[in-house]
């Protein structure tokens, strides 16, 4: 059975083609803003799903302009459905630009088939995404280091302190950090208290990669 996710703006027509075309559709889960026109579109999508006998869950996003917040919410929801054994599809045609961008980001991170719907013809367009988890670009050790930095984002760690905290040799930590740096996952910042020291920080949004 398939669960179709979607982002919805003011036009229900942007989501309806995917509801029609999805085989073995069990449920539709879609996200919308608190704008009156978006709520009106929500009502029309819910009515369409009821007519088809398909269960639908509409989720109102508290801040449709906060990309990382929206992406975090979407990612947690799709992971929950995937853990329950559902096949997933995503329609990213509606909502604010940041909502659609957040949905696309989640599809890339999680390897979910995604479609866009043409604004005039309402034809579905499959996006060329590989069905792999983007996070597989990190080794297990790199994920461990990055996860630790994300969990302790508010603390300051030098390379030496980080090696000690994770119980690895400094040379090993240096290797992992060089790889993470090359992938844009971390930044090395000057310590305000001592310019000779560099503090290692995860770059913004890394919570989505290791969460």
N, C-alpha and C. Protein backbone atom coordinates (compact mmCIF):
# COMPACT_ATOMS: atom_id res chain seq x y z
N UNK A 1 0.84 -1.20 0.00
CA UNK A 1 0.00 0.00 0.00
C UNK A 1 0.87 1.25 0.00
N UNK A 2 0.36 2.30 -0.61
CA UNK A 2 1.14 3.52 -0.80
C UNK A 2 0.54 4.68 -0.01
N UNK A 3 1.41 5.47 0.58
CA UNK A 3 0.99 6.72 1.23
C UNK A 3 1.52 7.86 0.37
N UNK A 4 0.63 8.73 -0.05
CA UNK A 4 1.00 9.89 -0.84
C UNK A 4 1.12 11.10 0.06
N UNK A 5 2.29 11.72 0.06
CA UNK A 5 2.50 12.98 0.77
C UNK A 5 2.39 14.12 -0.24
N UNK A 6 2.02 15.30 0.26
CA UNK A 6 1.95 16.45 -0.63
C UNK A 6 1.99 17.76 0.12
N UNK A 7 2.38 18.81 -0.59
CA UNK A 7 2.28 20.17 -0.04
C UNK A 7 1.20 20.89 -0.86
N UNK A 8 0.37 21.65 -0.17
CA UNK A 8 -0.79 22.27 -0.81
C UNK A 8 -0.78 23.77 -0.61
N UNK A 9 -0.99 24.48 -1.70
CA UNK A 9 -1.11 25.94 -1.63
C UNK A 9 -2.56 26.35 -1.73
N UNK A 10 -2.88 27.18 -2.72
CA UNK A 10 -4.24 27.67 -2.87
C UNK A 10 -5.04 26.88 -3.90
N UNK A 11 -4.37 26.01 -4.66
CA UNK A 11 -5.04 25.31 -5.75
C UNK A 11 -5.08 23.81 -5.48
N UNK A 12 -6.25 23.27 -5.19
CA UNK A 12 -6.34 21.82 -4.98
C UNK A 12 -5.92 21.04 -6.22
N UNK A 13 -6.03 21.67 -7.41
CA UNK A 13 -5.69 20.98 -8.66
C UNK A 13 -4.23 20.55 -8.71
N UNK A 14 -3.39 21.16 -7.89
CA UNK A 14 -1.97 20.78 -7.90
C UNK A 14 -1.73 19.43 -7.24
N UNK A 15 -2.68 18.99 -6.41
CA UNK A 15 -2.51 17.72 -5.70
C UNK A 15 -3.39 16.61 -6.26
N UNK A 16 -4.52 16.97 -6.84
CA UNK A 16 -5.49 15.96 -7.29
C UNK A 16 -4.94 14.98 -8.33
N UNK A 17 -4.12 15.41 -9.32
CA UNK A 17 -3.61 14.43 -10.29
C UNK A 17 -2.83 13.29 -9.64
N UNK A 18 -2.06 13.59 -8.61
CA UNK A 18 -1.28 12.54 -7.94
C UNK A 18 -2.19 11.60 -7.15
N UNK A 19 -3.28 12.15 -6.60
CA UNK A 19 -4.23 11.29 -5.88
C UNK A 19 -4.88 10.33 -6.86
N UNK A 20 -5.21 10.83 -8.06
CA UNK A 20 -5.82 9.97 -9.08
C UNK A 20 -4.87 8.89 -9.58
N UNK A 21 -3.60 9.23 -9.75
CA UNK A 21 -2.66 8.33 -10.45
C UNK A 21 -1.96 7.33 -9.55
N UNK A 22 -1.99 7.54 -8.24
CA UNK A 22 -1.24 6.67 -7.34
C UNK A 22 -1.93 5.32 -7.18
N UNK A 23 -1.22 4.26 -7.54
CA UNK A 23 -1.77 2.91 -7.41
C UNK A 23 -1.70 2.43 -5.97
N UNK A 24 -2.68 1.60 -5.60
CA UNK A 24 -2.75 1.03 -4.25
C UNK A 24 -2.68 2.12 -3.18
N UNK A 25 -3.35 3.25 -3.43
CA UNK A 25 -3.30 4.37 -2.49
C UNK A 25 -4.08 4.05 -1.22
N UNK A 26 -3.37 4.11 -0.12
CA UNK A 26 -3.99 3.84 1.18
C UNK A 26 -4.38 5.12 1.90
N UNK A 27 -3.52 6.14 1.79
CA UNK A 27 -3.78 7.35 2.55
C UNK A 27 -3.06 8.52 1.89
N UNK A 28 -3.63 9.70 2.07
CA UNK A 28 -3.01 10.94 1.61
C UNK A 28 -2.68 11.79 2.84
N UNK A 29 -1.45 12.27 2.90
CA UNK A 29 -1.02 13.16 3.99
C UNK A 29 -0.50 14.43 3.32
N UNK A 30 -1.15 15.56 3.60
CA UNK A 30 -0.69 16.78 2.96
C UNK A 30 -0.60 17.93 3.94
N UNK A 31 0.24 18.88 3.60
CA UNK A 31 0.59 19.99 4.48
C UNK A 31 0.17 21.31 3.82
N UNK A 32 -0.34 22.22 4.64
CA UNK A 32 -0.79 23.50 4.12
C UNK A 32 -0.55 24.59 5.16
N UNK A 33 -0.62 25.84 4.72
CA UNK A 33 -0.42 26.97 5.63
C UNK A 33 -1.73 27.36 6.29
N UNK A 34 -1.67 28.39 7.14
CA UNK A 34 -2.88 28.85 7.83
C UNK A 34 -3.63 29.92 7.04
N UNK A 35 -3.22 30.17 5.80
CA UNK A 35 -3.90 31.16 4.97
C UNK A 35 -5.31 30.67 4.63
N UNK A 36 -6.26 31.60 4.59
CA UNK A 36 -7.66 31.24 4.34
C UNK A 36 -7.83 30.48 3.02
N UNK A 37 -7.10 30.91 1.96
CA UNK A 37 -7.22 30.24 0.67
C UNK A 37 -6.64 28.83 0.71
N UNK A 38 -5.60 28.66 1.52
CA UNK A 38 -5.02 27.32 1.66
C UNK A 38 -5.98 26.40 2.43
N UNK A 39 -6.65 26.94 3.43
CA UNK A 39 -7.64 26.15 4.16
C UNK A 39 -8.82 25.78 3.28
N UNK A 40 -9.19 26.69 2.38
CA UNK A 40 -10.28 26.39 1.44
C UNK A 40 -9.87 25.28 0.49
N UNK A 41 -8.61 25.34 0.01
CA UNK A 41 -8.10 24.27 -0.85
C UNK A 41 -8.05 22.94 -0.11
N UNK A 42 -7.69 23.01 1.17
CA UNK A 42 -7.68 21.79 2.00
C UNK A 42 -9.05 21.13 2.00
N UNK A 43 -10.10 21.93 2.18
CA UNK A 43 -11.46 21.39 2.23
C UNK A 43 -11.82 20.67 0.94
N UNK A 44 -11.39 21.24 -0.18
CA UNK A 44 -11.70 20.63 -1.48
C UNK A 44 -10.95 19.32 -1.67
N UNK A 45 -9.70 19.26 -1.21
CA UNK A 45 -8.93 18.02 -1.31
C UNK A 45 -9.54 16.95 -0.40
N UNK A 46 -9.95 17.33 0.78
CA UNK A 46 -10.56 16.37 1.70
C UNK A 46 -11.86 15.82 1.10
N UNK A 47 -12.65 16.70 0.48
CA UNK A 47 -13.90 16.27 -0.15
C UNK A 47 -13.63 15.32 -1.31
N UNK A 48 -12.59 15.61 -2.09
CA UNK A 48 -12.22 14.75 -3.22
C UNK A 48 -11.81 13.36 -2.71
N UNK A 49 -11.03 13.33 -1.64
CA UNK A 49 -10.59 12.05 -1.09
C UNK A 49 -11.76 11.25 -0.52
N UNK A 50 -12.69 11.93 0.13
CA UNK A 50 -13.87 11.23 0.65
C UNK A 50 -14.67 10.60 -0.48
N UNK A 51 -14.79 11.31 -1.60
CA UNK A 51 -15.53 10.77 -2.74
C UNK A 51 -14.87 9.52 -3.29
N UNK A 52 -13.56 9.44 -3.18
CA UNK A 52 -12.82 8.27 -3.67
C UNK A 52 -12.71 7.17 -2.61
N UNK A 53 -13.12 7.48 -1.40
CA UNK A 53 -13.00 6.51 -0.31
C UNK A 53 -11.57 6.35 0.18
N UNK A 54 -10.79 7.42 0.05
CA UNK A 54 -9.38 7.40 0.47
C UNK A 54 -9.22 8.23 1.74
N UNK A 55 -8.56 7.69 2.72
CA UNK A 55 -8.30 8.42 3.96
C UNK A 55 -7.33 9.56 3.70
N UNK A 56 -7.61 10.72 4.27
CA UNK A 56 -6.72 11.87 4.09
C UNK A 56 -6.47 12.55 5.43
N UNK A 57 -5.24 12.95 5.64
CA UNK A 57 -4.84 13.70 6.83
C UNK A 57 -4.25 15.03 6.39
N UNK A 58 -4.88 16.13 6.83
CA UNK A 58 -4.39 17.46 6.51
C UNK A 58 -3.67 18.03 7.72
N UNK A 59 -2.47 18.52 7.50
CA UNK A 59 -1.65 19.05 8.59
C UNK A 59 -1.34 20.51 8.32
N UNK A 60 -1.76 21.38 9.23
CA UNK A 60 -1.50 22.81 9.07
C UNK A 60 -0.13 23.14 9.65
N UNK A 61 0.74 23.67 8.82
CA UNK A 61 2.11 24.00 9.23
C UNK A 61 2.11 25.31 9.99
N UNK A 62 2.76 25.32 11.16
CA UNK A 62 2.73 26.51 12.01
C UNK A 62 3.48 27.68 11.40
N UNK A 63 4.56 27.41 10.65
CA UNK A 63 5.31 28.47 9.99
C UNK A 63 5.74 27.97 8.62
N UNK A 64 4.95 28.30 7.60
CA UNK A 64 5.19 27.80 6.25
C UNK A 64 6.38 28.46 5.58
N UNK A 65 7.04 29.38 6.28
CA UNK A 65 8.20 30.08 5.70
C UNK A 65 9.51 29.72 6.41
N UNK A 66 9.45 28.72 7.28
CA UNK A 66 10.64 28.24 7.99
C UNK A 66 11.05 26.91 7.37
N UNK A 67 12.00 26.95 6.45
CA UNK A 67 12.35 25.76 5.66
C UNK A 67 12.79 24.60 6.55
N UNK A 68 13.71 24.86 7.46
CA UNK A 68 14.24 23.76 8.27
C UNK A 68 13.18 23.18 9.20
N UNK A 69 12.31 24.03 9.73
CA UNK A 69 11.24 23.53 10.60
C UNK A 69 10.29 22.63 9.81
N UNK A 70 9.88 23.10 8.63
CA UNK A 70 8.96 22.32 7.81
C UNK A 70 9.62 21.01 7.37
N UNK A 71 10.87 21.09 6.93
CA UNK A 71 11.57 19.88 6.49
C UNK A 71 11.71 18.88 7.62
N UNK A 72 11.99 19.37 8.82
CA UNK A 72 12.10 18.48 9.97
C UNK A 72 10.79 17.77 10.26
N UNK A 73 9.69 18.49 10.18
CA UNK A 73 8.38 17.89 10.41
C UNK A 73 8.04 16.85 9.34
N UNK A 74 8.26 17.22 8.09
CA UNK A 74 7.97 16.29 6.99
C UNK A 74 8.84 15.04 7.09
N UNK A 75 10.10 15.24 7.40
CA UNK A 75 11.02 14.11 7.45
C UNK A 75 10.63 13.13 8.56
N UNK A 76 10.25 13.66 9.72
CA UNK A 76 9.83 12.79 10.82
C UNK A 76 8.60 11.99 10.43
N UNK A 77 7.67 12.63 9.72
CA UNK A 77 6.43 11.95 9.33
C UNK A 77 6.68 10.87 8.28
N UNK A 78 7.52 11.16 7.28
CA UNK A 78 7.76 10.14 6.25
C UNK A 78 8.55 8.97 6.82
N UNK A 79 9.44 9.26 7.75
CA UNK A 79 10.19 8.16 8.36
C UNK A 79 9.27 7.26 9.18
N UNK A 80 8.28 7.85 9.83
CA UNK A 80 7.32 7.07 10.61
C UNK A 80 6.54 6.14 9.69
N UNK A 81 6.08 6.67 8.56
CA UNK A 81 5.32 5.85 7.61
C UNK A 81 6.19 4.76 6.99
N UNK A 82 7.44 5.11 6.68
CA UNK A 82 8.34 4.12 6.10
C UNK A 82 8.63 3.00 7.09
N UNK A 83 8.79 3.35 8.37
CA UNK A 83 9.04 2.34 9.40
C UNK A 83 7.86 1.39 9.54
N UNK A 84 6.66 1.89 9.21
CA UNK A 84 5.46 1.06 9.28
C UNK A 84 5.29 0.20 8.04
N UNK A 85 6.22 0.35 7.09
CA UNK A 85 6.21 -0.51 5.91
C UNK A 85 5.52 0.05 4.69
N UNK A 86 5.14 1.32 4.71
CA UNK A 86 4.43 1.91 3.56
C UNK A 86 5.38 2.27 2.44
N UNK A 87 4.89 2.16 1.20
CA UNK A 87 5.59 2.74 0.06
C UNK A 87 5.21 4.22 0.01
N UNK A 88 6.16 5.07 -0.33
CA UNK A 88 5.92 6.50 -0.27
C UNK A 88 6.08 7.17 -1.62
N UNK A 89 5.24 8.18 -1.85
CA UNK A 89 5.37 9.09 -2.98
C UNK A 89 5.18 10.50 -2.43
N UNK A 90 5.68 11.49 -3.16
CA UNK A 90 5.54 12.87 -2.69
C UNK A 90 5.20 13.79 -3.86
N UNK A 91 4.15 14.58 -3.69
CA UNK A 91 3.79 15.62 -4.64
C UNK A 91 4.23 16.95 -4.05
N UNK A 92 5.14 17.65 -4.72
CA UNK A 92 5.72 18.88 -4.16
C UNK A 92 5.24 20.14 -4.89
N UNK A 93 4.06 20.04 -5.52
CA UNK A 93 3.63 21.10 -6.43
C UNK A 93 3.00 22.31 -5.74
N UNK A 94 2.59 22.19 -4.48
CA UNK A 94 1.85 23.29 -3.86
C UNK A 94 2.54 23.87 -2.64
N UNK A 95 1.88 24.85 -2.05
CA UNK A 95 2.40 25.49 -0.85
C UNK A 95 3.33 26.64 -1.15
N UNK A 96 3.85 27.25 -0.09
CA UNK A 96 4.83 28.31 -0.27
C UNK A 96 6.08 27.73 -0.94
N UNK A 97 6.89 28.61 -1.49
CA UNK A 97 8.13 28.13 -2.12
C UNK A 97 8.98 27.37 -1.12
N UNK A 98 8.99 27.85 0.12
CA UNK A 98 9.81 27.17 1.12
C UNK A 98 9.22 25.82 1.50
N UNK A 99 7.88 25.71 1.51
CA UNK A 99 7.28 24.40 1.77
C UNK A 99 7.65 23.41 0.68
N UNK A 100 7.54 23.84 -0.58
CA UNK A 100 7.89 22.96 -1.68
C UNK A 100 9.37 22.60 -1.65
N UNK A 101 10.21 23.59 -1.31
CA UNK A 101 11.65 23.34 -1.21
C UNK A 101 11.95 22.37 -0.08
N UNK A 102 11.25 22.52 1.03
CA UNK A 102 11.45 21.61 2.16
C UNK A 102 11.06 20.18 1.77
N UNK A 103 9.94 20.05 1.04
CA UNK A 103 9.50 18.74 0.60
C UNK A 103 10.52 18.11 -0.35
N UNK A 104 11.05 18.91 -1.29
CA UNK A 104 12.05 18.40 -2.21
C UNK A 104 13.31 17.98 -1.46
N UNK A 105 13.70 18.77 -0.48
CA UNK A 105 14.87 18.43 0.33
C UNK A 105 14.68 17.09 1.03
N UNK A 106 13.50 16.87 1.59
CA UNK A 106 13.22 15.61 2.28
C UNK A 106 13.25 14.45 1.29
N UNK A 107 12.70 14.66 0.10
CA UNK A 107 12.71 13.59 -0.91
C UNK A 107 14.14 13.22 -1.31
N UNK A 108 15.01 14.22 -1.40
CA UNK A 108 16.41 13.96 -1.72
C UNK A 108 17.10 13.22 -0.58
N UNK A 109 16.86 13.69 0.65
CA UNK A 109 17.49 13.08 1.81
C UNK A 109 17.07 11.63 2.00
N UNK A 110 15.78 11.35 1.73
CA UNK A 110 15.23 10.04 2.04
C UNK A 110 15.06 9.13 0.82
N UNK A 111 15.35 9.65 -0.38
CA UNK A 111 15.20 8.82 -1.57
C UNK A 111 13.76 8.48 -1.90
N UNK A 112 12.85 9.47 -1.81
CA UNK A 112 11.43 9.26 -2.06
C UNK A 112 11.08 9.73 -3.47
N UNK A 113 10.37 8.93 -4.26
CA UNK A 113 9.93 9.37 -5.59
C UNK A 113 9.07 10.63 -5.46
N UNK A 114 9.36 11.65 -6.25
CA UNK A 114 8.65 12.92 -6.15
C UNK A 114 8.15 13.36 -7.51
N UNK A 115 7.01 14.04 -7.52
CA UNK A 115 6.46 14.57 -8.75
C UNK A 115 6.07 16.03 -8.56
N UNK A 116 6.08 16.74 -9.67
CA UNK A 116 5.59 18.11 -9.74
C UNK A 116 4.40 18.10 -10.70
N UNK A 117 3.48 19.04 -10.52
CA UNK A 117 2.33 19.13 -11.41
C UNK A 117 2.38 20.46 -12.14
N UNK A 118 2.30 20.41 -13.47
CA UNK A 118 2.40 21.60 -14.31
C UNK A 118 1.28 22.59 -13.96
N UNK A 119 1.64 23.87 -13.88
CA UNK A 119 0.70 24.90 -13.44
C UNK A 119 -0.50 25.07 -14.37
N UNK A 120 -0.33 24.78 -15.66
CA UNK A 120 -1.40 25.03 -16.63
C UNK A 120 -2.06 23.75 -17.13
N UNK A 121 -1.26 22.73 -17.41
CA UNK A 121 -1.83 21.50 -17.95
C UNK A 121 -2.20 20.50 -16.85
N UNK A 122 -1.68 20.71 -15.65
CA UNK A 122 -1.87 19.81 -14.51
C UNK A 122 -1.37 18.40 -14.80
N UNK A 123 -0.37 18.34 -15.66
CA UNK A 123 0.27 17.06 -15.96
C UNK A 123 1.33 16.78 -14.90
N UNK A 124 1.38 15.54 -14.45
CA UNK A 124 2.41 15.16 -13.47
C UNK A 124 3.76 15.02 -14.16
N UNK A 125 4.78 15.53 -13.50
CA UNK A 125 6.14 15.44 -14.01
C UNK A 125 7.00 14.78 -12.94
N UNK A 126 7.49 13.59 -13.25
CA UNK A 126 8.35 12.88 -12.29
C UNK A 126 9.70 13.57 -12.21
N UNK A 127 10.17 13.82 -11.00
CA UNK A 127 11.47 14.46 -10.82
C UNK A 127 12.57 13.40 -10.82
N UNK A 128 13.72 13.72 -11.43
CA UNK A 128 14.80 12.72 -11.58
C UNK A 128 15.61 12.56 -10.30
N UNK A 129 15.01 11.95 -9.30
CA UNK A 129 15.70 11.72 -8.03
C UNK A 129 16.07 10.25 -7.88
N UNK A 130 17.26 10.00 -7.40
CA UNK A 130 17.68 8.62 -7.14
C UNK A 130 17.02 8.12 -5.87
N UNK A 131 16.63 6.87 -5.88
CA UNK A 131 15.96 6.30 -4.71
C UNK A 131 17.00 5.76 -3.72
N UNK A 132 17.81 6.68 -3.25
CA UNK A 132 18.81 6.33 -2.24
C UNK A 132 18.73 7.37 -1.13
N UNK A 133 19.21 7.00 0.03
CA UNK A 133 19.27 7.96 1.13
C UNK A 133 20.49 8.84 0.96
N UNK A 134 20.27 10.13 0.94
CA UNK A 134 21.37 11.09 0.78
C UNK A 134 22.40 10.93 1.89
N UNK A 135 21.95 10.54 3.07
CA UNK A 135 22.84 10.37 4.20
C UNK A 135 23.85 9.26 4.03
N UNK A 136 23.65 8.40 3.01
CA UNK A 136 24.60 7.32 2.76
C UNK A 136 25.92 7.86 2.24
N UNK A 137 25.96 9.16 1.94
CA UNK A 137 27.22 9.78 1.52
C UNK A 137 28.20 9.94 2.66
N UNK A 138 27.77 9.65 3.88
CA UNK A 138 28.65 9.70 5.05
C UNK A 138 28.98 8.28 5.50
N UNK A 139 30.20 8.09 5.96
CA UNK A 139 30.55 6.80 6.56
C UNK A 139 29.94 6.74 7.95
N UNK A 140 29.92 5.55 8.53
CA UNK A 140 29.37 5.38 9.87
C UNK A 140 30.11 6.25 10.88
N UNK A 141 31.43 6.33 10.77
CA UNK A 141 32.23 7.13 11.71
C UNK A 141 31.96 8.62 11.51
N UNK A 142 31.83 9.04 10.25
CA UNK A 142 31.52 10.44 9.99
C UNK A 142 30.16 10.81 10.56
N UNK A 143 29.20 9.89 10.44
CA UNK A 143 27.87 10.14 11.02
C UNK A 143 27.96 10.26 12.53
N UNK A 144 28.78 9.43 13.15
CA UNK A 144 28.94 9.48 14.61
C UNK A 144 29.47 10.85 15.05
N UNK A 145 30.49 11.33 14.34
CA UNK A 145 31.08 12.63 14.69
C UNK A 145 30.06 13.74 14.47
N UNK A 146 29.40 13.71 13.33
CA UNK A 146 28.43 14.76 13.01
C UNK A 146 27.24 14.73 13.95
N UNK A 147 26.78 13.55 14.29
CA UNK A 147 25.66 13.42 15.23
C UNK A 147 26.03 14.00 16.59
N UNK A 148 27.25 13.73 17.04
CA UNK A 148 27.71 14.26 18.32
C UNK A 148 27.74 15.79 18.28
N UNK A 149 28.24 16.35 17.19
CA UNK A 149 28.32 17.80 17.07
C UNK A 149 26.92 18.43 17.03
N UNK A 150 26.00 17.78 16.36
CA UNK A 150 24.63 18.30 16.29
C UNK A 150 23.97 18.26 17.66
N UNK A 151 24.16 17.14 18.37
CA UNK A 151 23.55 17.03 19.71
C UNK A 151 24.14 18.05 20.68
N UNK A 152 25.37 18.42 20.44
CA UNK A 152 26.07 19.35 21.34
C UNK A 152 26.38 20.67 20.64
N UNK A 153 25.46 21.10 19.81
CA UNK A 153 25.68 22.30 19.01
C UNK A 153 26.01 23.53 19.86
N UNK A 154 25.44 23.61 21.05
CA UNK A 154 25.63 24.79 21.90
C UNK A 154 26.99 24.80 22.60
N UNK A 155 27.72 23.70 22.53
CA UNK A 155 29.02 23.62 23.19
C UNK A 155 30.13 23.84 22.16
N UNK A 156 31.29 24.24 22.65
CA UNK A 156 32.45 24.49 21.79
C UNK A 156 33.46 23.36 21.93
N UNK A 157 33.82 22.75 20.80
CA UNK A 157 34.80 21.66 20.80
C UNK A 157 35.93 21.97 19.83
N UNK A 158 37.15 21.86 20.33
CA UNK A 158 38.29 21.86 19.43
C UNK A 158 38.45 20.45 18.89
N UNK A 159 39.32 20.29 17.92
CA UNK A 159 39.56 18.95 17.37
C UNK A 159 40.06 18.00 18.46
N UNK A 160 40.96 18.50 19.31
CA UNK A 160 41.50 17.67 20.39
C UNK A 160 40.41 17.28 21.38
N UNK A 161 39.57 18.25 21.76
CA UNK A 161 38.50 17.97 22.72
C UNK A 161 37.48 17.01 22.12
N UNK A 162 37.24 17.14 20.84
CA UNK A 162 36.28 16.25 20.18
C UNK A 162 36.81 14.82 20.13
N UNK A 163 38.10 14.68 19.84
CA UNK A 163 38.71 13.35 19.82
C UNK A 163 38.61 12.70 21.20
N UNK A 164 38.85 13.48 22.24
CA UNK A 164 38.77 12.96 23.60
C UNK A 164 37.35 12.57 23.96
N UNK A 165 36.39 13.41 23.58
CA UNK A 165 34.99 13.14 23.91
C UNK A 165 34.48 11.87 23.25
N UNK A 166 34.97 11.58 22.04
CA UNK A 166 34.51 10.41 21.31
C UNK A 166 35.44 9.21 21.45
N UNK A 167 36.53 9.40 22.20
CA UNK A 167 37.43 8.30 22.48
C UNK A 167 38.21 7.79 21.29
N UNK A 168 38.66 8.71 20.41
CA UNK A 168 39.47 8.30 19.26
C UNK A 168 40.77 9.09 19.26
N UNK A 169 41.75 8.59 18.52
CA UNK A 169 43.04 9.27 18.41
C UNK A 169 42.85 10.58 17.66
N UNK A 170 43.66 11.58 17.99
CA UNK A 170 43.53 12.89 17.35
C UNK A 170 43.73 12.81 15.85
N UNK A 171 44.67 11.96 15.40
CA UNK A 171 44.91 11.82 13.96
C UNK A 171 43.69 11.24 13.25
N UNK A 172 43.01 10.31 13.92
CA UNK A 172 41.78 9.73 13.36
C UNK A 172 40.69 10.78 13.25
N UNK A 173 40.56 11.59 14.32
CA UNK A 173 39.56 12.65 14.30
C UNK A 173 39.88 13.67 13.22
N UNK A 174 41.15 13.98 13.04
CA UNK A 174 41.54 14.93 12.00
C UNK A 174 41.10 14.43 10.62
N UNK A 175 41.26 13.12 10.40
CA UNK A 175 40.85 12.53 9.12
C UNK A 175 39.34 12.68 8.91
N UNK A 176 38.55 12.34 9.94
CA UNK A 176 37.10 12.44 9.83
C UNK A 176 36.67 13.89 9.59
N UNK A 177 37.29 14.81 10.30
CA UNK A 177 36.91 16.22 10.16
C UNK A 177 37.27 16.78 8.79
N UNK A 178 38.41 16.36 8.26
CA UNK A 178 38.77 16.81 6.91
C UNK A 178 37.75 16.34 5.88
N UNK A 179 37.28 15.10 6.04
CA UNK A 179 36.27 14.57 5.12
C UNK A 179 34.93 15.31 5.28
N UNK A 180 34.54 15.56 6.52
CA UNK A 180 33.29 16.28 6.77
C UNK A 180 33.36 17.73 6.28
N UNK A 181 34.53 18.32 6.43
CA UNK A 181 34.74 19.69 5.97
C UNK A 181 34.62 19.75 4.45
N UNK A 182 35.20 18.77 3.77
CA UNK A 182 35.15 18.74 2.31
C UNK A 182 33.73 18.56 1.80
N UNK A 183 32.87 17.93 2.60
CA UNK A 183 31.48 17.71 2.22
C UNK A 183 30.56 18.85 2.68
N UNK A 184 31.13 19.84 3.34
CA UNK A 184 30.34 20.99 3.77
C UNK A 184 29.51 20.73 5.01
N UNK A 185 29.83 19.66 5.76
CA UNK A 185 29.02 19.29 6.92
C UNK A 185 29.44 20.01 8.19
N UNK A 186 30.68 20.50 8.23
CA UNK A 186 31.16 21.20 9.41
C UNK A 186 31.86 22.49 9.00
N UNK A 187 32.06 23.34 9.99
CA UNK A 187 32.83 24.57 9.79
C UNK A 187 33.83 24.67 10.93
N UNK A 188 34.99 25.21 10.64
CA UNK A 188 36.01 25.45 11.66
C UNK A 188 36.05 26.95 11.89
N UNK A 189 35.71 27.38 13.11
CA UNK A 189 35.59 28.79 13.44
C UNK A 189 36.62 29.20 14.48
N UNK A 190 37.09 30.42 14.39
CA UNK A 190 38.05 30.92 15.38
C UNK A 190 37.37 31.05 16.74
N UNK A 191 38.07 30.62 17.75
CA UNK A 191 37.56 30.73 19.12
C UNK A 191 37.66 32.20 19.56
N UNK A 192 36.52 32.83 19.90
CA UNK A 192 36.56 34.25 20.32
C UNK A 192 37.48 34.49 21.51
N UNK A 193 37.65 33.46 22.35
CA UNK A 193 38.48 33.61 23.54
C UNK A 193 39.96 33.37 23.26
N UNK A 194 40.26 32.71 22.14
CA UNK A 194 41.66 32.40 21.81
C UNK A 194 41.75 32.19 20.30
N UNK A 195 42.21 33.20 19.59
CA UNK A 195 42.24 33.16 18.12
C UNK A 195 43.14 32.05 17.58
N UNK A 196 43.99 31.50 18.42
CA UNK A 196 44.87 30.42 17.97
C UNK A 196 44.13 29.09 17.87
N UNK A 197 42.97 29.02 18.49
CA UNK A 197 42.21 27.76 18.50
C UNK A 197 41.07 27.82 17.49
N UNK A 198 40.76 26.65 16.92
CA UNK A 198 39.63 26.53 16.01
C UNK A 198 38.54 25.68 16.66
N UNK A 199 37.32 26.17 16.60
CA UNK A 199 36.17 25.46 17.14
C UNK A 199 35.45 24.76 15.98
N UNK A 200 35.07 23.50 16.20
CA UNK A 200 34.38 22.72 15.17
C UNK A 200 32.87 22.79 15.41
N UNK A 201 32.13 23.21 14.38
CA UNK A 201 30.68 23.33 14.49
C UNK A 201 30.01 22.65 13.29
N UNK A 202 28.84 22.05 13.49
CA UNK A 202 28.10 21.54 12.33
C UNK A 202 27.50 22.71 11.55
N UNK A 203 27.43 22.60 10.25
CA UNK A 203 26.83 23.66 9.46
C UNK A 203 25.30 23.60 9.61
N UNK A 204 24.60 24.70 9.31
CA UNK A 204 23.14 24.73 9.47
C UNK A 204 22.43 23.63 8.69
N UNK A 205 21.42 23.05 9.31
CA UNK A 205 20.61 22.04 8.66
C UNK A 205 21.11 20.63 8.78
N UNK A 206 22.27 20.42 9.42
CA UNK A 206 22.81 19.07 9.51
C UNK A 206 21.93 18.14 10.37
N UNK A 207 21.05 18.74 11.18
CA UNK A 207 20.10 17.92 11.94
C UNK A 207 19.29 17.02 11.03
N UNK A 208 18.98 17.51 9.82
CA UNK A 208 18.20 16.75 8.87
C UNK A 208 18.97 15.56 8.32
N UNK A 209 20.28 15.66 8.30
CA UNK A 209 21.10 14.61 7.71
C UNK A 209 21.32 13.45 8.66
N UNK A 210 21.37 13.74 9.95
CA UNK A 210 21.71 12.70 10.92
C UNK A 210 20.60 12.43 11.92
N UNK A 211 19.47 13.15 11.79
CA UNK A 211 18.38 12.99 12.74
C UNK A 211 17.68 11.64 12.63
